[in-house]
Amino acid sequence: MNVSPDQRGFKLEPVHPKPEEAHTMPYAPAVHIVGACDLMFLSGATASPLYHKHPHVDAEHVHPHSIEAQTTNAMEAIKSILDHSGATWRDVVKVTKYLTDFREADAMHATMAKYFGDWRPASTTVCINQLSSPGARIELDMIVALKKK
């Protein structure tokens, strides 16, 4: 498929071997970057404040219980990075989601969809035993395509 890049100098194309099935998935099997761009790799964001002390101070890591609230906190931290970089959710090409309880994946995806809208980046979900602070149930990291500097 020959696609001309948009005004950013590149275009992101979801790759769906079965396009008729795309609506059933909360992510794209792959995202093809067409044209020249810079890549930004986001560190993992949890429900904790983006900036916090190291070693951790427990008072900075009091998390809401619901996965929806924790996902919102992580997405808001990521949004601050995207905003600072002049990027949008549509520039995200890959998300890695770390969950302590995979049964919460649907609620996490529903919360993330409020940010991504109809854009579905490539994605991996990993179920893990524990995150960096007690009570944290989700961590998100992302890869973002940016206009070439």
Protein backbone atom coordinates (compact mmCIF):
# COMPACT_ATOMS: atom_id res chain seq x y z
CA MET A 1 0.00 0.00 0.00
CA ASN A 2 1.49 3.35 -1.07
CA VAL A 3 0.48 6.09 1.38
CA SER A 4 1.66 9.68 1.39
CA PRO A 5 2.74 11.02 4.78
CA ASP A 6 0.55 13.67 6.45
CA GLN A 7 1.64 17.19 7.49
CA ARG A 8 3.79 15.73 10.29
CA GLY A 9 6.01 14.05 7.69
CA PHE A 10 4.75 10.57 8.58
CA LYS A 11 1.55 8.61 8.80
CA LEU A 12 0.51 5.91 11.26
CA GLU A 13 -1.42 3.03 9.75
CA PRO A 14 -3.02 0.30 11.82
CA VAL A 15 -2.29 -3.13 10.37
CA HIS A 16 -5.27 -5.50 10.40
CA PRO A 17 -4.83 -8.81 8.56
CA LYS A 18 -8.61 -9.21 9.01
CA PRO A 19 -10.07 -5.68 8.81
CA GLU A 20 -13.60 -7.00 9.28
CA GLU A 21 -12.56 -8.13 12.79
CA ALA A 22 -10.85 -4.84 13.82
CA HIS A 23 -13.88 -3.61 15.80
CA THR A 24 -13.60 -6.58 18.19
CA MET A 25 -10.16 -5.58 19.46
CA PRO A 26 -9.10 -2.77 21.86
CA TYR A 27 -5.78 -2.53 20.00
CA ALA A 28 -4.24 -2.97 16.54
CA PRO A 29 -2.17 -6.09 15.86
CA ALA A 30 0.52 -3.72 14.52
CA VAL A 31 1.06 -0.06 13.60
CA HIS A 32 3.10 0.84 10.52
CA ILE A 33 4.94 4.18 10.59
CA VAL A 34 5.10 5.47 7.02
CA GLY A 35 7.65 8.27 6.51
CA ALA A 36 10.33 9.84 8.68
CA CYS A 37 9.70 10.52 12.37
CA ASP A 38 11.34 10.66 15.77
CA LEU A 39 10.38 8.11 18.43
CA MET A 40 9.78 8.87 22.10
CA PHE A 41 9.81 6.05 24.66
CA LEU A 42 7.73 6.74 27.77
CA SER A 43 8.71 5.23 31.09
CA GLY A 44 6.07 3.32 33.01
CA ALA A 45 3.33 5.42 34.63
CA THR A 46 1.28 4.16 37.57
CA ALA A 47 -1.40 5.73 39.74
CA SER A 48 1.43 7.42 41.68
CA PRO A 49 2.36 11.02 40.90
CA LEU A 50 4.63 11.28 37.85
CA TYR A 51 7.30 12.97 39.97
CA HIS A 52 7.86 11.38 43.36
CA LYS A 53 10.75 10.83 45.73
CA HIS A 54 13.26 8.01 45.44
CA PRO A 55 13.52 6.00 47.55
CA HIS A 56 9.73 5.96 47.70
CA VAL A 57 7.89 7.80 50.45
CA ASP A 58 4.73 5.84 51.27
CA ALA A 59 2.58 8.98 51.59
CA GLU A 60 3.17 9.74 47.89
CA HIS A 61 1.86 6.33 46.85
CA VAL A 62 -1.65 6.11 48.27
CA HIS A 63 -3.63 4.74 45.33
CA PRO A 64 -7.36 4.66 44.66
CA HIS A 65 -8.74 1.14 44.80
CA SER A 66 -10.58 0.98 41.46
CA ILE A 67 -8.69 0.03 38.32
CA GLU A 68 -10.59 2.77 36.48
CA ALA A 69 -9.23 5.46 38.83
CA GLN A 70 -5.73 4.00 38.73
CA THR A 71 -5.84 3.86 34.92
CA THR A 72 -7.06 7.46 34.79
CA ASN A 73 -4.18 8.60 37.03
CA ALA A 74 -1.62 6.82 34.81
CA MET A 75 -3.20 8.16 31.61
CA GLU A 76 -3.23 11.72 32.99
CA ALA A 77 0.48 11.43 33.82
CA ILE A 78 1.12 10.23 30.26
CA LYS A 79 -1.09 13.00 28.86
CA SER A 80 1.15 15.58 30.57
CA ILE A 81 4.15 14.12 28.71
CA LEU A 82 2.29 14.03 25.37
CA ASP A 83 1.10 17.63 25.86
CA HIS A 84 4.61 18.81 26.75
CA SER A 85 5.99 17.11 23.62
CA GLY A 86 3.30 18.39 21.24
CA ALA A 87 1.97 14.86 20.74
CA THR A 88 -1.54 13.44 20.95
CA TRP A 89 -2.97 10.02 21.73
CA ARG A 90 -3.06 9.37 17.96
CA ASP A 91 0.75 9.53 17.94
CA VAL A 92 1.05 6.57 20.30
CA VAL A 93 2.17 3.52 18.32
CA LYS A 94 2.69 0.95 21.11
CA VAL A 95 1.37 0.48 24.65
CA THR A 96 2.59 -2.06 27.19
CA LYS A 97 0.14 -2.61 30.03
CA TYR A 98 1.16 -4.31 33.26
CA LEU A 99 -1.77 -5.51 35.39
CA THR A 100 -1.77 -7.29 38.73
CA ASP A 101 -5.20 -8.83 37.96
CA PHE A 102 -6.02 -9.68 34.36
CA ARG A 103 -9.73 -9.78 35.22
CA GLU A 104 -9.54 -5.97 35.27
CA ALA A 105 -8.38 -5.72 31.64
CA ASP A 106 -11.82 -4.85 30.24
CA ALA A 107 -12.31 -1.99 32.73
CA MET A 108 -8.77 -0.76 32.03
CA HIS A 109 -9.40 -0.84 28.25
CA ALA A 110 -12.71 1.03 28.67
CA THR A 111 -10.95 3.74 30.66
CA MET A 112 -8.10 4.00 28.15
CA ALA A 113 -10.63 4.26 25.29
CA LYS A 114 -11.84 7.57 26.75
CA TYR A 115 -8.40 8.94 25.91
CA PHE A 116 -7.64 7.10 22.66
CA GLY A 117 -11.10 7.43 21.12
CA ASP A 118 -11.18 5.32 17.97
CA TRP A 119 -7.36 5.07 17.70
CA ARG A 120 -6.00 1.63 18.59
CA PRO A 121 -2.21 1.45 18.92
CA ALA A 122 -0.34 -1.84 18.99
CA SER A 123 -0.47 -3.31 22.49
CA THR A 124 0.81 -5.93 24.88
CA THR A 125 -0.72 -6.79 28.25
CA VAL A 126 1.31 -8.57 30.90
CA CYS A 127 -0.10 -9.90 34.16
CA ILE A 128 2.41 -9.51 36.97
CA ASN A 129 2.54 -10.23 40.68
CA GLN A 130 3.43 -6.77 41.99
CA LEU A 131 4.30 -3.23 40.89
CA SER A 132 6.71 -0.65 42.29
CA SER A 133 4.51 0.56 45.15
CA PRO A 134 2.03 -1.28 47.39
CA GLY A 135 -1.50 -1.01 46.06
CA ALA A 136 -0.49 -0.13 42.49
CA ARG A 137 -2.46 -2.37 40.12
CA ILE A 138 -1.52 -0.96 36.70
CA GLU A 139 1.53 0.45 34.95
CA LEU A 140 1.58 1.73 31.38
CA ASP A 141 4.50 2.50 29.09
CA MET A 142 4.23 3.75 25.53
CA ILE A 143 6.14 4.44 22.34
CA VAL A 144 5.17 7.64 20.53
CA ALA A 145 5.93 8.82 16.97
CA LEU A 146 6.81 12.52 16.78
CA LYS A 147 7.41 14.92 13.95
CA LYS A 148 11.07 14.85 12.89
CA LYS A 149 13.08 17.68 14.49
